[in-house]
Amino acid sequence: MAPGLDATSVGPWCYVRLPVPVQLKRPVDIHRLSPVLCQRGEMENWPDSTLDDVGRVARSKGVERLRTTAAVLLVIVLVAGVLGFFGVRSSTATAQGGGYGVDLTYPRIARAGLDVPWTVTVHRDGGFDREIVLAIDTSYFEILEMRGRLPEPSSETAGDGLAYLTFDPPPGDEFTFALDVRIRSGRQRGESGSVSVMDGEKSAVTIYFDTWLVP
């Protein structure tokens, strides 16, 4: 038997390998012998359970920092949700040019499947003496599910990435065009767009805008 190893080293889960037949000092159950060589005292330092060091790991500085970071992120998400940052947040952009004033209300932040506002108001001192032509980026309509328009254009066409909507001149000096839309389901990315009031073949005034989508 190896030096320092005798029958008293054999415990319920400490087995010995006998290189040659030897005479043990006291009887040992031969069925407990296995090819694992166990030195005296080696098993005494083994934990009684694989969960013994869980408390020590859980109290480590690294784990504590992870818990703190996760808690802070959770609070930020909850506060953002309460303040409506994950819902629809609209914005209004204004521009002037060519004798026109334009106000656009659009969704600055939105989520898929939600109704969103989109309204453009055109103002002209002295009223409109001819048709109003709006040019809108066709790419922007890719994130929208169209349900209606008010008023309906008298004619429309498209070209060079723009949709041209023509409206009869309204009474008064203000004209409003609104889309009844929602963000398409499954959309994860926003879109940029523009809306222009045309003066012949050129833009009299243009507003550029962006819509961001959140999960």
C-alpha atoms as a PDB file:
ATOM      1  CA  MET A   1       0.000   0.000   0.000  1.00  0.00           C
ATOM      2  CA  ALA A   2       1.204   3.552  -0.703  1.00  0.00           C
ATOM      3  CA  PRO A   3       3.066   5.284   2.152  1.00  0.00           C
ATOM      4  CA  GLY A   4       0.780   7.005   4.622  1.00  0.00           C
ATOM      5  CA  LEU A   5      -2.268   5.034   3.467  1.00  0.00           C
ATOM      6  CA  ASP A   6      -3.856   2.302   5.520  1.00  0.00           C
ATOM      7  CA  ALA A   7      -7.268   0.824   6.056  1.00  0.00           C
ATOM      8  CA  THR A   8      -8.341   3.760   8.256  1.00  0.00           C
ATOM      9  CA  SER A   9      -8.112   5.998   5.152  1.00  0.00           C
ATOM     10  CA  VAL A  10     -10.952   4.123   3.535  1.00  0.00           C
ATOM     11  CA  GLY A  11     -14.188   6.045   4.124  1.00  0.00           C
ATOM     12  CA  PRO A  12     -17.622   5.894   2.591  1.00  0.00           C
ATOM     13  CA  TRP A  13     -16.493   7.871  -0.471  1.00  0.00           C
ATOM     14  CA  CYS A  14     -12.694   7.614  -0.411  1.00  0.00           C
ATOM     15  CA  TYR A  15     -11.477   4.652  -2.430  1.00  0.00           C
ATOM     16  CA  VAL A  16      -8.023   3.291  -2.995  1.00  0.00           C
ATOM     17  CA  ARG A  17      -6.247   1.546  -5.818  1.00  0.00           C
ATOM     18  CA  LEU A  18      -4.104  -1.391  -4.812  1.00  0.00           C
ATOM     19  CA  PRO A  19      -1.209  -1.857  -7.257  1.00  0.00           C
ATOM     20  CA  VAL A  20      -0.476  -5.340  -5.901  1.00  0.00           C
ATOM     21  CA  PRO A  21      -2.322  -7.608  -3.528  1.00  0.00           C
ATOM     22  CA  VAL A  22      -1.625  -6.400  -0.027  1.00  0.00           C
ATOM     23  CA  GLN A  23      -2.718  -7.441   3.390  1.00  0.00           C
ATOM     24  CA  LEU A  24      -4.969  -4.745   4.928  1.00  0.00           C
ATOM     25  CA  LYS A  25      -4.647  -4.201   8.644  1.00  0.00           C
ATOM     26  CA  ARG A  26      -8.397  -4.709   9.025  1.00  0.00           C
ATOM     27  CA  PRO A  27     -11.119  -5.992   6.687  1.00  0.00           C
ATOM     28  CA  VAL A  28     -12.326  -3.637   3.934  1.00  0.00           C
ATOM     29  CA  ASP A  29     -15.306  -4.137   1.625  1.00  0.00           C
ATOM     30  CA  ILE A  30     -13.656  -4.967  -1.689  1.00  0.00           C
ATOM     31  CA  HIS A  31     -16.691  -3.545  -3.575  1.00  0.00           C
ATOM     32  CA  ARG A  32     -15.723  -0.073  -2.349  1.00  0.00           C
ATOM     33  CA  LEU A  33     -12.347  -0.165  -4.038  1.00  0.00           C
ATOM     34  CA  SER A  34     -12.073   1.878  -7.302  1.00  0.00           C
ATOM     35  CA  PRO A  35      -9.320   3.162  -9.607  1.00  0.00           C
ATOM     36  CA  VAL A  36      -9.290   6.510  -7.774  1.00  0.00           C
ATOM     37  CA  LEU A  37      -6.207   7.008  -5.623  1.00  0.00           C
ATOM     38  CA  CYS A  38      -7.096   9.062  -2.550  1.00  0.00           C
ATOM     39  CA  GLN A  39      -4.380  10.479  -0.302  1.00  0.00           C
ATOM     40  CA  ARG A  40      -4.909  10.799   3.444  1.00  0.00           C
ATOM     41  CA  GLY A  41      -6.755  13.984   4.373  1.00  0.00           C
ATOM     42  CA  GLU A  42      -7.626  14.899   0.738  1.00  0.00           C
ATOM     43  CA  MET A  43     -11.311  14.212   1.202  1.00  0.00           C
ATOM     44  CA  GLU A  44     -11.461  16.060   4.500  1.00  0.00           C
ATOM     45  CA  ASN A  45     -11.170  19.417   2.663  1.00  0.00           C
ATOM     46  CA  TRP A  46     -13.926  18.681   0.178  1.00  0.00           C
ATOM     47  CA  PRO A  47     -17.191  20.628   0.716  1.00  0.00           C
ATOM     48  CA  ASP A  48     -20.180  18.722   1.951  1.00  0.00           C
ATOM     49  CA  SER A  49     -22.315  20.245  -0.828  1.00  0.00           C
ATOM     50  CA  THR A  50     -21.777  21.865  -4.250  1.00  0.00           C
ATOM     51  CA  LEU A  51     -23.798  24.813  -2.907  1.00  0.00           C
ATOM     52  CA  ASP A  52     -21.378  25.580  -0.058  1.00  0.00           C
ATOM     53  CA  ASP A  53     -19.638  28.414  -1.952  1.00  0.00           C
ATOM     54  CA  VAL A  54     -22.826  29.981  -3.408  1.00  0.00           C
ATOM     55  CA  GLY A  55     -23.133  32.487  -0.574  1.00  0.00           C
ATOM     56  CA  ARG A  56     -19.501  33.567  -0.948  1.00  0.00           C
ATOM     57  CA  VAL A  57     -19.895  34.101  -4.707  1.00  0.00           C
ATOM     58  CA  ALA A  58     -23.192  35.932  -4.262  1.00  0.00           C
ATOM     59  CA  ARG A  59     -21.505  38.344  -1.828  1.00  0.00           C
ATOM     60  CA  SER A  60     -18.579  39.076  -4.138  1.00  0.00           C
ATOM     61  CA  LYS A  61     -18.016  42.621  -5.409  1.00  0.00           C
ATOM     62  CA  GLY A  62     -18.439  41.593  -9.036  1.00  0.00           C
ATOM     63  CA  VAL A  63     -21.882  40.095  -8.459  1.00  0.00           C
ATOM     64  CA  GLU A  64     -22.865  43.066  -6.304  1.00  0.00           C
ATOM     65  CA  ARG A  65     -21.960  45.459  -9.132  1.00  0.00           C
ATOM     66  CA  LEU A  66     -24.001  43.403 -11.597  1.00  0.00           C
ATOM     67  CA  ARG A  67     -27.023  43.488  -9.292  1.00  0.00           C
ATOM     68  CA  THR A  68     -26.687  47.266  -8.852  1.00  0.00           C
ATOM     69  CA  THR A  69     -26.379  47.841 -12.613  1.00  0.00           C
ATOM     70  CA  ALA A  70     -29.410  45.648 -13.338  1.00  0.00           C
ATOM     71  CA  ALA A  71     -31.464  47.474 -10.709  1.00  0.00           C
ATOM     72  CA  VAL A  72     -30.523  50.889 -12.143  1.00  0.00           C
ATOM     73  CA  LEU A  73     -31.417  49.797 -15.688  1.00  0.00           C
ATOM     74  CA  LEU A  74     -34.762  48.461 -14.480  1.00  0.00           C
ATOM     75  CA  VAL A  75     -35.554  51.766 -12.764  1.00  0.00           C
ATOM     76  CA  ILE A  76     -34.629  53.705 -15.925  1.00  0.00           C
ATOM     77  CA  VAL A  77     -36.928  51.518 -18.043  1.00  0.00           C
ATOM     78  CA  LEU A  78     -39.795  51.916 -15.571  1.00  0.00           C
ATOM     79  CA  VAL A  79     -39.392  55.696 -15.369  1.00  0.00           C
ATOM     80  CA  ALA A  80     -39.177  55.971 -19.169  1.00  0.00           C
ATOM     81  CA  GLY A  81     -42.369  53.929 -19.483  1.00  0.00           C
ATOM     82  CA  VAL A  82     -44.222  56.080 -16.944  1.00  0.00           C
ATOM     83  CA  LEU A  83     -43.148  59.261 -18.751  1.00  0.00           C
ATOM     84  CA  GLY A  84     -44.352  57.857 -22.066  1.00  0.00           C
ATOM     85  CA  PHE A  85     -41.007  57.559 -23.820  1.00  0.00           C
ATOM     86  CA  PHE A  86     -41.999  54.116 -25.117  1.00  0.00           C
ATOM     87  CA  GLY A  87     -45.332  55.351 -26.442  1.00  0.00           C
ATOM     88  CA  VAL A  88     -46.149  57.956 -29.087  1.00  0.00           C
ATOM     89  CA  ARG A  89     -44.477  61.333 -28.783  1.00  0.00           C
ATOM     90  CA  SER A  90     -45.414  63.860 -31.430  1.00  0.00           C
ATOM     91  CA  SER A  91     -43.564  66.949 -32.494  1.00  0.00           C
ATOM     92  CA  THR A  92     -44.313  70.016 -34.611  1.00  0.00           C
ATOM     93  CA  ALA A  93     -41.946  71.467 -37.196  1.00  0.00           C
ATOM     94  CA  THR A  94     -42.383  74.866 -38.813  1.00  0.00           C
ATOM     95  CA  ALA A  95     -40.918  76.430 -41.946  1.00  0.00           C
ATOM     96  CA  GLN A  96     -41.552  79.439 -44.155  1.00  0.00           C
ATOM     97  CA  GLY A  97     -40.666  80.218 -47.738  1.00  0.00           C
ATOM     98  CA  GLY A  98     -42.060  81.308 -51.075  1.00  0.00           C
ATOM     99  CA  GLY A  99     -44.895  83.188 -49.388  1.00  0.00           C
ATOM    100  CA  TYR A 100     -46.044  80.057 -47.518  1.00  0.00           C
ATOM    101  CA  GLY A 101     -45.920  79.098 -43.887  1.00  0.00           C
ATOM    102  CA  VAL A 102     -45.999  75.364 -43.109  1.00  0.00           C
ATOM    103  CA  ASP A 103     -46.625  73.531 -39.823  1.00  0.00           C
ATOM    104  CA  LEU A 104     -46.164  69.763 -39.658  1.00  0.00           C
ATOM    105  CA  THR A 105     -47.281  67.626 -36.727  1.00  0.00           C
ATOM    106  CA  TYR A 106     -45.762  64.159 -36.941  1.00  0.00           C
ATOM    107  CA  PRO A 107     -44.735  61.227 -34.705  1.00  0.00           C
ATOM    108  CA  ARG A 108     -41.191  61.836 -33.484  1.00  0.00           C
ATOM    109  CA  ILE A 109     -41.156  58.617 -31.406  1.00  0.00           C
ATOM    110  CA  ALA A 110     -43.604  55.769 -31.932  1.00  0.00           C
ATOM    111  CA  ARG A 111     -44.085  52.013 -31.698  1.00  0.00           C
ATOM    112  CA  ALA A 112     -45.329  49.450 -34.170  1.00  0.00           C
ATOM    113  CA  GLY A 113     -49.104  49.026 -34.210  1.00  0.00           C
ATOM    114  CA  LEU A 114     -49.925  52.411 -32.608  1.00  0.00           C
ATOM    115  CA  ASP A 115     -51.982  55.238 -34.112  1.00  0.00           C
ATOM    116  CA  VAL A 116     -49.893  58.314 -34.868  1.00  0.00           C
ATOM    117  CA  PRO A 117     -50.692  61.913 -35.823  1.00  0.00           C
ATOM    118  CA  TRP A 118     -49.623  63.310 -39.191  1.00  0.00           C
ATOM    119  CA  THR A 119     -51.034  66.699 -40.181  1.00  0.00           C
ATOM    120  CA  VAL A 120     -49.639  69.436 -42.400  1.00  0.00           C
ATOM    121  CA  THR A 121     -51.081  72.968 -42.339  1.00  0.00           C
ATOM    122  CA  VAL A 122     -50.253  75.469 -45.084  1.00  0.00           C
ATOM    123  CA  HIS A 123     -50.812  79.191 -44.536  1.00  0.00           C
ATOM    124  CA  ARG A 124     -50.702  81.926 -47.151  1.00  0.00           C
ATOM    125  CA  ASP A 125     -51.546  85.534 -46.510  1.00  0.00           C
ATOM    126  CA  GLY A 126     -54.299  86.705 -48.832  1.00  0.00           C
ATOM    127  CA  GLY A 127     -55.509  83.152 -49.501  1.00  0.00           C
ATOM    128  CA  PHE A 128     -54.778  80.646 -52.256  1.00  0.00           C
ATOM    129  CA  ASP A 129     -55.260  81.718 -55.839  1.00  0.00           C
ATOM    130  CA  ARG A 130     -54.250  78.378 -57.336  1.00  0.00           C
ATOM    131  CA  GLU A 131     -54.018  74.684 -56.560  1.00  0.00           C
ATOM    132  CA  ILE A 132     -51.918  73.462 -53.655  1.00  0.00           C
ATOM    133  CA  VAL A 133     -49.411  70.744 -54.468  1.00  0.00           C
ATOM    134  CA  LEU A 134     -47.751  68.800 -51.653  1.00  0.00           C
ATOM    135  CA  ALA A 135     -44.753  66.568 -52.346  1.00  0.00           C
ATOM    136  CA  ILE A 136     -44.102  63.833 -49.755  1.00  0.00           C
ATOM    137  CA  ASP A 137     -41.324  61.224 -49.629  1.00  0.00           C
ATOM    138  CA  THR A 138     -42.771  57.890 -50.736  1.00  0.00           C
ATOM    139  CA  SER A 139     -40.217  56.023 -48.578  1.00  0.00           C
ATOM    140  CA  TYR A 140     -41.848  57.431 -45.456  1.00  0.00           C
ATOM    141  CA  PHE A 141     -45.115  55.664 -46.281  1.00  0.00           C
ATOM    142  CA  GLU A 142     -43.330  52.317 -45.894  1.00  0.00           C
ATOM    143  CA  ILE A 143     -43.684  52.509 -42.095  1.00  0.00           C
ATOM    144  CA  LEU A 144     -47.329  53.636 -42.226  1.00  0.00           C
ATOM    145  CA  GLU A 145     -50.573  51.703 -42.494  1.00  0.00           C
ATOM    146  CA  MET A 146     -52.867  54.086 -44.345  1.00  0.00           C
ATOM    147  CA  ARG A 147     -56.512  54.200 -43.255  1.00  0.00           C
ATOM    148  CA  GLY A 148     -57.672  57.498 -44.679  1.00  0.00           C
ATOM    149  CA  ARG A 149     -56.856  61.013 -45.862  1.00  0.00           C
ATOM    150  CA  LEU A 150     -58.699  64.253 -45.310  1.00  0.00           C
ATOM    151  CA  PRO A 151     -59.294  65.917 -47.655  1.00  0.00           C
ATOM    152  CA  GLU A 152     -58.780  63.592 -50.599  1.00  0.00           C
ATOM    153  CA  PRO A 153     -56.547  65.113 -53.293  1.00  0.00           C
ATOM    154  CA  SER A 154     -58.154  66.057 -56.572  1.00  0.00           C
ATOM    155  CA  SER A 155     -55.267  64.299 -58.317  1.00  0.00           C
ATOM    156  CA  GLU A 156     -52.032  62.568 -57.443  1.00  0.00           C
ATOM    157  CA  THR A 157     -48.944  61.226 -59.113  1.00  0.00           C
ATOM    158  CA  ALA A 158     -45.487  60.008 -58.150  1.00  0.00           C
ATOM    159  CA  GLY A 159     -41.965  60.249 -59.445  1.00  0.00           C
ATOM    160  CA  ASP A 160     -38.348  60.534 -58.290  1.00  0.00           C
ATOM    161  CA  GLY A 161     -39.217  59.140 -54.857  1.00  0.00           C
ATOM    162  CA  LEU A 162     -41.969  61.724 -54.207  1.00  0.00           C
ATOM    163  CA  ALA A 163     -45.752  61.513 -54.130  1.00  0.00           C
ATOM    164  CA  TYR A 164     -47.379  64.670 -55.520  1.00  0.00           C
ATOM    165  CA  LEU A 165     -50.824  65.402 -54.092  1.00  0.00           C
ATOM    166  CA  THR A 166     -52.839  68.188 -55.716  1.00  0.00           C
ATOM    167  CA  PHE A 167     -55.678  69.953 -53.888  1.00  0.00           C
ATOM    168  CA  ASP A 168     -58.197  72.516 -55.070  1.00  0.00           C
ATOM    169  CA  PRO A 169     -57.632  75.956 -53.518  1.00  0.00           C
ATOM    170  CA  PRO A 170     -59.613  76.232 -50.259  1.00  0.00           C
ATOM    171  CA  PRO A 171     -61.436  79.330 -49.024  1.00  0.00           C
ATOM    172  CA  GLY A 172     -59.507  81.461 -46.571  1.00  0.00           C
ATOM    173  CA  ASP A 173     -55.772  81.598 -46.068  1.00  0.00           C
ATOM    174  CA  GLU A 174     -55.195  78.242 -44.367  1.00  0.00           C
ATOM    175  CA  PHE A 175     -55.273  74.667 -45.656  1.00  0.00           C
ATOM    176  CA  THR A 176     -54.919  71.483 -43.560  1.00  0.00           C
ATOM    177  CA  PHE A 177     -54.235  67.983 -44.817  1.00  0.00           C
ATOM    178  CA  ALA A 178     -54.293  65.027 -42.394  1.00  0.00           C
ATOM    179  CA  LEU A 179     -53.464  61.342 -42.660  1.00  0.00           C
ATOM    180  CA  ASP A 180     -55.302  58.731 -40.605  1.00  0.00           C
ATOM    181  CA  VAL A 181     -52.422  56.301 -40.081  1.00  0.00           C
ATOM    182  CA  ARG A 182     -50.742  53.922 -37.708  1.00  0.00           C
ATOM    183  CA  ILE A 183     -47.269  52.395 -37.636  1.00  0.00           C
ATOM    184  CA  ARG A 184     -47.187  49.085 -39.486  1.00  0.00           C
ATOM    185  CA  SER A 185     -47.043  46.008 -37.276  1.00  0.00           C
ATOM    186  CA  GLY A 186     -43.643  44.387 -37.089  1.00  0.00           C
ATOM    187  CA  ARG A 187     -41.724  47.528 -38.012  1.00  0.00           C
ATOM    188  CA  GLN A 188     -38.545  47.915 -35.953  1.00  0.00           C
ATOM    189  CA  ARG A 189     -36.805  50.754 -37.773  1.00  0.00           C
ATOM    190  CA  GLY A 190     -37.957  54.332 -38.221  1.00  0.00           C
ATOM    191  CA  GLU A 191     -37.867  56.442 -41.350  1.00  0.00           C
ATOM    192  CA  SER A 192     -36.938  59.925 -42.487  1.00  0.00           C
ATOM    193  CA  GLY A 193     -39.196  62.022 -44.666  1.00  0.00           C
ATOM    194  CA  SER A 194     -39.956  65.417 -46.097  1.00  0.00           C
ATOM    195  CA  VAL A 195     -42.988  67.390 -47.143  1.00  0.00           C
ATOM    196  CA  SER A 196     -42.842  70.310 -49.556  1.00  0.00           C
ATOM    197  CA  VAL A 197     -45.226  72.899 -50.904  1.00  0.00           C
ATOM    198  CA  MET A 198     -44.514  73.092 -54.603  1.00  0.00           C
ATOM    199  CA  ASP A 199     -44.315  76.263 -56.670  1.00  0.00           C
ATOM    200  CA  GLY A 200     -44.537  74.942 -60.178  1.00  0.00           C
ATOM    201  CA  GLU A 201     -41.781  72.366 -60.589  1.00  0.00           C
ATOM    202  CA  LYS A 202     -39.751  73.702 -57.669  1.00  0.00           C
ATOM    203  CA  SER A 203     -40.202  73.517 -53.921  1.00  0.00           C
ATOM    204  CA  ALA A 204     -41.335  76.768 -52.319  1.00  0.00           C
ATOM    205  CA  VAL A 205     -40.757  75.452 -48.779  1.00  0.00           C
ATOM    206  CA  THR A 206     -39.730  72.060 -47.370  1.00  0.00           C
ATOM    207  CA  ILE A 207     -39.805  70.451 -43.936  1.00  0.00           C
ATOM    208  CA  TYR A 208     -37.582  67.455 -43.148  1.00  0.00           C
ATOM    209  CA  PHE A 209     -38.470  65.141 -40.280  1.00  0.00           C
ATOM    210  CA  ASP A 210     -37.591  61.799 -38.667  1.00  0.00           C
ATOM    211  CA  THR A 211     -39.700  59.175 -36.934  1.00  0.00           C
ATOM    212  CA  TRP A 212     -37.945  56.829 -34.489  1.00  0.00           C
ATOM    213  CA  LEU A 213     -39.456  53.504 -33.504  1.00  0.00           C
ATOM    214  CA  VAL A 214     -38.926  51.878 -30.113  1.00  0.00           C
ATOM    215  CA  PRO A 215     -39.637  48.245 -29.124  1.00  0.00           C
END
